[in-house]
Amino acid sequence: MAKKKAEEKKQNVFARMGSSISGFFRDIIREIKKIVWPTPKTTFRNTGIVLLVMLVAGLAIFGLDTGLHALFGLVMDLAGN
């Protein structure tokens, strides 16, 4: 008797897959509704900060590269003599 009830309640594979996929998309929609988008002012401020950090990092890398290039040139000149 117990086996018969368990078999009656079990859905086929397509019904189970369909309900899990629809549940997945319901969860996605629920999470998307929780998103708080930044204001344009915040977006522009953050963009400015990113550009400033990129400029500072670029200048630091340029300075390091130039210094190491000059140091390498001195080492090569000393090795040539």
C-alpha atoms as a PDB file:
ATOM      1  CA  MET A   1       0.000   0.000   0.000  1.00  0.00           C
ATOM      2  CA  ALA A   2       2.767   2.472   0.902  1.00  0.00           C
ATOM      3  CA  LYS A   3       4.563   1.852  -2.370  1.00  0.00           C
ATOM      4  CA  LYS A   4       1.435   2.517  -4.365  1.00  0.00           C
ATOM      5  CA  LYS A   5       0.906   5.978  -2.753  1.00  0.00           C
ATOM      6  CA  ALA A   6       4.532   6.947  -3.336  1.00  0.00           C
ATOM      7  CA  GLU A   7       4.279   5.995  -7.001  1.00  0.00           C
ATOM      8  CA  GLU A   8       1.072   7.995  -7.457  1.00  0.00           C
ATOM      9  CA  LYS A   9       2.603  11.198  -6.030  1.00  0.00           C
ATOM     10  CA  LYS A  10       5.798  11.033  -8.083  1.00  0.00           C
ATOM     11  CA  GLN A  11       5.608  13.164 -11.225  1.00  0.00           C
ATOM     12  CA  ASN A  12       7.305  12.281 -14.473  1.00  0.00           C
ATOM     13  CA  VAL A  13      10.719  13.692 -15.290  1.00  0.00           C
ATOM     14  CA  PHE A  14       9.384  16.427 -17.598  1.00  0.00           C
ATOM     15  CA  ALA A  15       6.946  17.770 -15.014  1.00  0.00           C
ATOM     16  CA  ARG A  16       9.667  17.845 -12.355  1.00  0.00           C
ATOM     17  CA  MET A  17      12.136  19.514 -14.729  1.00  0.00           C
ATOM     18  CA  GLY A  18       9.543  22.079 -15.825  1.00  0.00           C
ATOM     19  CA  SER A  19       8.654  23.020 -12.265  1.00  0.00           C
ATOM     20  CA  SER A  20      12.307  23.373 -11.259  1.00  0.00           C
ATOM     21  CA  ILE A  21      13.080  25.536 -14.318  1.00  0.00           C
ATOM     22  CA  SER A  22      10.060  27.758 -13.711  1.00  0.00           C
ATOM     23  CA  GLY A  23      11.067  28.052 -10.050  1.00  0.00           C
ATOM     24  CA  PHE A  24      14.555  29.067 -11.135  1.00  0.00           C
ATOM     25  CA  PHE A  25      13.199  31.882 -13.319  1.00  0.00           C
ATOM     26  CA  ARG A  26      10.798  32.988 -10.574  1.00  0.00           C
ATOM     27  CA  ASP A  27      13.786  33.292  -8.248  1.00  0.00           C
ATOM     28  CA  ILE A  28      15.682  35.308 -10.858  1.00  0.00           C
ATOM     29  CA  ILE A  29      12.793  37.755 -11.246  1.00  0.00           C
ATOM     30  CA  ARG A  30      12.479  38.047  -7.459  1.00  0.00           C
ATOM     31  CA  GLU A  31      16.203  38.854  -7.150  1.00  0.00           C
ATOM     32  CA  ILE A  32      16.136  41.365 -10.025  1.00  0.00           C
ATOM     33  CA  LYS A  33      13.381  43.283  -8.228  1.00  0.00           C
ATOM     34  CA  LYS A  34      15.735  43.713  -5.242  1.00  0.00           C
ATOM     35  CA  ILE A  35      18.385  45.558  -7.291  1.00  0.00           C
ATOM     36  CA  VAL A  36      18.925  49.189  -6.317  1.00  0.00           C
ATOM     37  CA  TRP A  37      20.345  51.076  -9.279  1.00  0.00           C
ATOM     38  CA  PRO A  38      22.731  54.007  -8.637  1.00  0.00           C
ATOM     39  CA  THR A  39      21.698  57.541  -9.453  1.00  0.00           C
ATOM     40  CA  PRO A  40      23.324  59.289 -12.429  1.00  0.00           C
ATOM     41  CA  LYS A  41      25.259  61.524 -10.005  1.00  0.00           C
ATOM     42  CA  THR A  42      26.726  58.480  -8.239  1.00  0.00           C
ATOM     43  CA  THR A  43      27.562  56.850 -11.563  1.00  0.00           C
ATOM     44  CA  PHE A  44      29.427  59.915 -12.834  1.00  0.00           C
ATOM     45  CA  ARG A  45      31.302  60.267  -9.528  1.00  0.00           C
ATOM     46  CA  ASN A  46      32.343  56.615  -9.575  1.00  0.00           C
ATOM     47  CA  THR A  47      33.400  56.925 -13.219  1.00  0.00           C
ATOM     48  CA  GLY A  48      35.592  59.901 -12.325  1.00  0.00           C
ATOM     49  CA  ILE A  49      37.197  57.964  -9.470  1.00  0.00           C
ATOM     50  CA  VAL A  50      37.922  55.013 -11.761  1.00  0.00           C
ATOM     51  CA  LEU A  51      39.482  57.273 -14.407  1.00  0.00           C
ATOM     52  CA  LEU A  52      41.621  59.028 -11.776  1.00  0.00           C
ATOM     53  CA  VAL A  53      42.870  55.714 -10.355  1.00  0.00           C
ATOM     54  CA  MET A  54      43.657  54.490 -13.878  1.00  0.00           C
ATOM     55  CA  LEU A  55      45.636  57.679 -14.582  1.00  0.00           C
ATOM     56  CA  VAL A  56      47.621  57.406 -11.334  1.00  0.00           C
ATOM     57  CA  ALA A  57      48.334  53.706 -11.900  1.00  0.00           C
ATOM     58  CA  GLY A  58      49.372  54.396 -15.505  1.00  0.00           C
ATOM     59  CA  LEU A  59      51.752  57.155 -14.427  1.00  0.00           C
ATOM     60  CA  ALA A  60      53.227  54.902 -11.724  1.00  0.00           C
ATOM     61  CA  ILE A  61      53.800  52.095 -14.210  1.00  0.00           C
ATOM     62  CA  PHE A  62      55.261  54.557 -16.738  1.00  0.00           C
ATOM     63  CA  GLY A  63      57.650  55.937 -14.115  1.00  0.00           C
ATOM     64  CA  LEU A  64      58.693  52.474 -12.996  1.00  0.00           C
ATOM     65  CA  ASP A  65      59.222  51.344 -16.588  1.00  0.00           C
ATOM     66  CA  THR A  66      61.260  54.449 -17.454  1.00  0.00           C
ATOM     67  CA  GLY A  67      63.417  54.095 -14.334  1.00  0.00           C
ATOM     68  CA  LEU A  68      64.075  50.410 -14.910  1.00  0.00           C
ATOM     69  CA  HIS A  69      64.866  51.085 -18.575  1.00  0.00           C
ATOM     70  CA  ALA A  70      67.413  53.739 -17.579  1.00  0.00           C
ATOM     71  CA  LEU A  71      68.905  51.430 -14.941  1.00  0.00           C
ATOM     72  CA  PHE A  72      69.155  48.607 -17.469  1.00  0.00           C
ATOM     73  CA  GLY A  73      70.894  50.998 -19.897  1.00  0.00           C
ATOM     74  CA  LEU A  74      73.463  51.929 -17.214  1.00  0.00           C
ATOM     75  CA  VAL A  75      74.125  48.276 -16.432  1.00  0.00           C
ATOM     76  CA  MET A  76      74.593  47.482 -20.119  1.00  0.00           C
ATOM     77  CA  ASP A  77      76.966  50.454 -20.567  1.00  0.00           C
ATOM     78  CA  LEU A  78      79.072  49.294 -17.624  1.00  0.00           C
ATOM     79  CA  ALA A  79      79.126  45.739 -18.954  1.00  0.00           C
ATOM     80  CA  GLY A  80      80.249  46.983 -22.390  1.00  0.00           C
ATOM     81  CA  ASN A  81      83.331  48.801 -21.062  1.00  0.00           C
END
